[in-house]
N, C-alpha and C. Protein backbone atom coordinates (compact mmCIF):
# COMPACT_ATOMS: atom_id res chain seq x y z
N UNK A 1 94.03 90.18 102.25
CA UNK A 1 94.54 91.27 101.43
C UNK A 1 95.90 90.88 100.89
N UNK A 2 96.14 91.16 99.62
CA UNK A 2 97.41 90.83 99.00
C UNK A 2 98.48 91.83 99.42
N UNK A 3 99.73 91.37 99.54
CA UNK A 3 100.80 92.32 99.81
C UNK A 3 100.84 93.36 98.69
N UNK A 4 101.19 94.57 99.03
CA UNK A 4 101.34 95.69 98.10
C UNK A 4 100.02 96.14 97.49
N UNK A 5 98.92 95.64 98.03
CA UNK A 5 97.63 96.11 97.55
C UNK A 5 97.45 97.55 98.01
N UNK A 6 96.90 98.37 97.17
CA UNK A 6 96.69 99.78 97.51
C UNK A 6 95.70 99.88 98.66
N UNK A 7 96.03 100.71 99.61
CA UNK A 7 95.18 100.90 100.78
C UNK A 7 94.09 101.89 100.42
N UNK A 8 92.86 101.42 100.30
CA UNK A 8 91.74 102.29 99.95
C UNK A 8 90.68 102.32 101.05
N UNK A 9 90.75 101.40 101.99
CA UNK A 9 89.72 101.32 103.02
C UNK A 9 90.38 101.09 104.39
N UNK A 10 90.99 102.13 104.95
CA UNK A 10 91.65 101.92 106.24
C UNK A 10 90.69 101.54 107.35
N UNK A 11 89.46 102.04 107.29
CA UNK A 11 88.47 101.68 108.31
C UNK A 11 88.20 100.18 108.30
N UNK A 12 88.08 99.60 107.11
CA UNK A 12 87.85 98.17 107.00
C UNK A 12 88.99 97.35 107.56
N UNK A 13 90.22 97.81 107.30
CA UNK A 13 91.39 97.12 107.84
C UNK A 13 91.37 97.20 109.36
N UNK A 14 91.11 98.40 109.88
CA UNK A 14 91.08 98.61 111.33
C UNK A 14 90.03 97.72 111.99
N UNK A 15 88.86 97.70 111.39
CA UNK A 15 87.78 96.89 111.97
C UNK A 15 88.10 95.40 111.91
N UNK A 16 88.70 94.96 110.81
CA UNK A 16 89.07 93.55 110.69
C UNK A 16 90.09 93.16 111.76
N UNK A 17 90.98 94.11 112.11
CA UNK A 17 91.97 93.86 113.15
C UNK A 17 91.42 94.06 114.55
N UNK A 18 90.18 94.55 114.63
CA UNK A 18 89.50 94.80 115.91
C UNK A 18 90.28 95.76 116.81
N UNK A 19 90.71 96.87 116.20
CA UNK A 19 91.42 97.91 116.94
C UNK A 19 90.59 99.18 116.93
N UNK A 20 90.69 99.95 118.01
CA UNK A 20 90.04 101.25 117.97
C UNK A 20 90.94 102.21 117.21
N UNK A 21 90.42 103.40 116.91
CA UNK A 21 91.19 104.34 116.09
C UNK A 21 92.51 104.71 116.75
N UNK A 22 92.50 104.93 118.05
CA UNK A 22 93.73 105.30 118.75
C UNK A 22 94.81 104.22 118.59
N UNK A 23 94.45 102.97 118.84
CA UNK A 23 95.41 101.86 118.73
C UNK A 23 95.93 101.72 117.29
N UNK A 24 95.01 101.76 116.35
CA UNK A 24 95.35 101.54 114.94
C UNK A 24 96.26 102.64 114.40
N UNK A 25 95.86 103.88 114.56
CA UNK A 25 96.59 104.98 113.94
C UNK A 25 97.87 105.34 114.68
N UNK A 26 97.91 105.16 115.99
CA UNK A 26 99.13 105.51 116.72
C UNK A 26 100.30 104.63 116.31
N UNK A 27 100.05 103.44 115.85
CA UNK A 27 101.13 102.54 115.43
C UNK A 27 101.84 103.02 114.18
N UNK A 28 101.20 103.92 113.44
CA UNK A 28 101.85 104.49 112.24
C UNK A 28 102.14 105.98 112.42
N UNK A 29 102.02 106.47 113.65
CA UNK A 29 102.38 107.85 113.94
C UNK A 29 101.35 108.88 113.53
N UNK A 30 100.09 108.48 113.45
CA UNK A 30 99.01 109.39 113.08
C UNK A 30 98.10 109.54 114.29
N UNK A 31 97.64 110.77 114.53
CA UNK A 31 96.72 111.00 115.64
C UNK A 31 95.38 110.34 115.35
N UNK A 32 94.62 110.14 116.40
CA UNK A 32 93.28 109.55 116.24
C UNK A 32 92.42 110.45 115.35
N UNK A 33 92.49 111.76 115.55
CA UNK A 33 91.66 112.66 114.74
C UNK A 33 92.10 112.66 113.28
N UNK A 34 93.40 112.58 113.04
CA UNK A 34 93.89 112.50 111.66
C UNK A 34 93.43 111.20 111.00
N UNK A 35 93.52 110.10 111.74
CA UNK A 35 93.06 108.81 111.21
C UNK A 35 91.58 108.83 110.92
N UNK A 36 90.82 109.49 111.78
CA UNK A 36 89.38 109.60 111.55
C UNK A 36 89.09 110.32 110.24
N UNK A 37 89.85 111.36 109.95
CA UNK A 37 89.67 112.08 108.68
C UNK A 37 89.97 111.17 107.49
N UNK A 38 91.04 110.37 107.59
CA UNK A 38 91.36 109.45 106.49
C UNK A 38 90.26 108.41 106.32
N UNK A 39 89.73 107.94 107.42
CA UNK A 39 88.65 106.95 107.35
C UNK A 39 87.37 107.54 106.77
N UNK A 40 87.23 108.85 106.88
CA UNK A 40 86.04 109.53 106.34
C UNK A 40 86.20 109.93 104.89
N UNK A 41 87.34 109.61 104.29
CA UNK A 41 87.50 109.87 102.87
C UNK A 41 88.54 110.90 102.49
N UNK A 42 89.15 111.56 103.46
CA UNK A 42 90.20 112.52 103.11
C UNK A 42 91.37 111.78 102.48
N UNK A 43 91.97 112.41 101.51
CA UNK A 43 93.11 111.80 100.81
C UNK A 43 94.24 111.51 101.79
N UNK A 44 94.77 110.29 101.70
CA UNK A 44 95.84 109.86 102.59
C UNK A 44 97.17 109.98 101.84
N UNK A 45 98.15 110.69 102.40
CA UNK A 45 99.45 110.80 101.74
C UNK A 45 100.09 109.43 101.55
N UNK A 46 100.84 109.29 100.48
CA UNK A 46 101.48 108.01 100.17
C UNK A 46 102.33 107.47 101.33
N UNK A 47 103.15 108.31 102.01
CA UNK A 47 103.93 107.77 103.12
C UNK A 47 103.06 107.15 104.22
N UNK A 48 101.92 107.76 104.49
CA UNK A 48 101.01 107.21 105.51
C UNK A 48 100.45 105.88 105.03
N UNK A 49 100.05 105.82 103.74
CA UNK A 49 99.54 104.55 103.19
C UNK A 49 100.59 103.46 103.29
N UNK A 50 101.84 103.80 102.98
CA UNK A 50 102.92 102.81 103.03
C UNK A 50 103.18 102.35 104.46
N UNK A 51 103.18 103.29 105.41
CA UNK A 51 103.36 102.90 106.80
C UNK A 51 102.22 102.01 107.26
N UNK A 52 101.01 102.36 106.87
CA UNK A 52 99.84 101.55 107.23
C UNK A 52 99.99 100.13 106.67
N UNK A 53 100.41 100.04 105.43
CA UNK A 53 100.60 98.72 104.80
C UNK A 53 101.68 97.93 105.52
N UNK A 54 102.81 98.57 105.79
CA UNK A 54 103.91 97.87 106.46
C UNK A 54 103.52 97.37 107.84
N UNK A 55 102.86 98.22 108.59
CA UNK A 55 102.53 97.89 109.98
C UNK A 55 101.35 96.93 110.08
N UNK A 56 100.25 97.25 109.39
CA UNK A 56 99.02 96.49 109.59
C UNK A 56 98.79 95.37 108.58
N UNK A 57 99.45 95.41 107.44
CA UNK A 57 99.31 94.34 106.45
C UNK A 57 100.51 93.39 106.51
N UNK A 58 101.71 93.98 106.48
CA UNK A 58 102.93 93.16 106.49
C UNK A 58 103.33 92.74 107.90
N UNK A 59 102.81 93.42 108.91
CA UNK A 59 103.11 93.05 110.30
C UNK A 59 104.48 93.48 110.78
N UNK A 60 105.04 94.53 110.21
CA UNK A 60 106.36 95.02 110.61
C UNK A 60 106.19 96.08 111.68
N UNK A 61 106.86 95.91 112.78
CA UNK A 61 106.81 96.92 113.84
C UNK A 61 107.82 98.01 113.51
N UNK A 62 107.36 99.25 113.47
CA UNK A 62 108.25 100.35 113.13
C UNK A 62 109.42 100.47 114.09
N UNK A 63 109.19 100.14 115.35
CA UNK A 63 110.26 100.23 116.34
C UNK A 63 111.41 99.27 116.02
N UNK A 64 111.12 98.22 115.26
CA UNK A 64 112.15 97.23 114.95
C UNK A 64 112.85 97.50 113.62
N UNK A 65 112.33 98.43 112.82
CA UNK A 65 112.98 98.78 111.55
C UNK A 65 114.29 99.48 111.87
N UNK A 66 115.31 99.12 111.15
CA UNK A 66 116.63 99.68 111.40
C UNK A 66 117.08 100.51 110.21
N UNK A 67 117.91 101.49 110.50
CA UNK A 67 118.45 102.33 109.45
C UNK A 67 119.20 101.53 108.39
N UNK A 68 119.84 100.44 108.81
CA UNK A 68 120.61 99.66 107.85
C UNK A 68 119.70 99.04 106.79
N UNK A 69 118.45 98.73 107.15
CA UNK A 69 117.52 98.19 106.16
C UNK A 69 117.28 99.19 105.04
N UNK A 70 117.13 100.45 105.43
CA UNK A 70 116.90 101.50 104.44
C UNK A 70 118.18 101.79 103.65
N UNK A 71 119.33 101.66 104.31
CA UNK A 71 120.60 101.86 103.63
C UNK A 71 120.81 100.80 102.55
N UNK A 72 120.42 99.56 102.81
CA UNK A 72 120.55 98.48 101.83
C UNK A 72 119.73 98.80 100.59
N UNK A 73 118.50 99.26 100.80
CA UNK A 73 117.65 99.62 99.67
C UNK A 73 118.27 100.76 98.88
N UNK A 74 118.76 101.78 99.57
CA UNK A 74 119.39 102.91 98.88
C UNK A 74 120.61 102.47 98.11
N UNK A 75 121.41 101.60 98.71
CA UNK A 75 122.59 101.09 98.02
C UNK A 75 122.21 100.31 96.76
N UNK A 76 121.24 99.43 96.87
CA UNK A 76 120.79 98.65 95.72
C UNK A 76 120.31 99.57 94.60
N UNK A 77 119.58 100.59 94.97
CA UNK A 77 119.05 101.53 93.98
C UNK A 77 120.19 102.23 93.24
N UNK A 78 121.25 102.59 93.96
CA UNK A 78 122.40 103.28 93.34
C UNK A 78 123.30 102.30 92.58
N UNK A 79 123.61 101.17 93.21
CA UNK A 79 124.61 100.26 92.67
C UNK A 79 124.09 99.42 91.51
N UNK A 80 122.82 99.05 91.54
CA UNK A 80 122.28 98.20 90.49
C UNK A 80 120.84 98.63 90.20
N UNK A 81 120.69 99.77 89.53
CA UNK A 81 119.34 100.29 89.29
C UNK A 81 118.47 99.34 88.48
N UNK A 82 119.07 98.58 87.59
CA UNK A 82 118.29 97.63 86.79
C UNK A 82 117.67 96.55 87.69
N UNK A 83 118.47 96.00 88.60
CA UNK A 83 117.96 95.00 89.52
C UNK A 83 116.91 95.61 90.45
N UNK A 84 117.17 96.83 90.92
CA UNK A 84 116.21 97.51 91.78
C UNK A 84 114.86 97.67 91.07
N UNK A 85 114.88 98.11 89.80
CA UNK A 85 113.63 98.27 89.04
C UNK A 85 112.94 96.93 88.84
N UNK A 86 113.73 95.89 88.54
CA UNK A 86 113.14 94.56 88.34
C UNK A 86 112.48 94.05 89.63
N UNK A 87 113.15 94.25 90.75
CA UNK A 87 112.57 93.82 92.03
C UNK A 87 111.33 94.64 92.37
N UNK A 88 111.37 95.91 92.07
CA UNK A 88 110.21 96.77 92.31
C UNK A 88 109.03 96.31 91.47
N UNK A 89 109.28 96.05 90.19
CA UNK A 89 108.20 95.57 89.31
C UNK A 89 107.66 94.24 89.80
N UNK A 90 108.54 93.34 90.22
CA UNK A 90 108.10 92.04 90.71
C UNK A 90 107.25 92.20 91.97
N UNK A 91 107.64 93.11 92.83
CA UNK A 91 106.91 93.30 94.08
C UNK A 91 105.57 94.00 93.86
N UNK A 92 105.53 94.93 92.91
CA UNK A 92 104.33 95.73 92.71
C UNK A 92 103.38 95.17 91.66
N UNK A 93 103.88 94.32 90.82
CA UNK A 93 103.04 93.78 89.76
C UNK A 93 103.71 93.96 88.40
N UNK A 94 103.09 93.43 87.41
CA UNK A 94 103.65 93.39 86.06
C UNK A 94 104.04 94.76 85.51
N UNK A 95 103.18 95.76 85.68
CA UNK A 95 103.46 97.07 85.09
C UNK A 95 104.16 98.03 86.05
N UNK A 96 104.56 97.56 87.23
CA UNK A 96 105.27 98.41 88.16
C UNK A 96 104.39 99.35 88.96
N UNK A 97 103.09 99.17 88.85
CA UNK A 97 102.14 99.99 89.62
C UNK A 97 101.42 99.14 90.63
N UNK A 98 100.95 99.79 91.64
CA UNK A 98 100.16 99.09 92.65
C UNK A 98 98.88 98.61 92.02
N UNK A 99 98.44 97.45 92.44
CA UNK A 99 97.20 96.89 91.90
C UNK A 99 96.00 97.57 92.50
C-alpha cells in the first residue's frame, strides 16, 4: 500500500497484518464493536482513517507521538503557509487530494 493512500478496506489491512479486531482497532483507540461496524461498511470518520493510516500503514506508535511534533506542523502552517501547502501537495499527490 502506498503512503497516504485512502483507507477504504480496513478489514483487508487487518487481515494482512494478521491481527484480530481487538488488537487492530485498540491501537487507534476504537472499540472492537466500532471497528467491526467500519469493516462492515459504515462510514469511517477522517480522524479514524488518519490514525489507522499512521499506526498500521506508516508504523507510528501513538504512544510515541509527542506534542512537539504537532506543534512543529502548526508552526509551519502559520509561519510559512506556502511551504506547508507545497509539502501537503507533495505528500498527498499532484492535486493535493488523496489518491
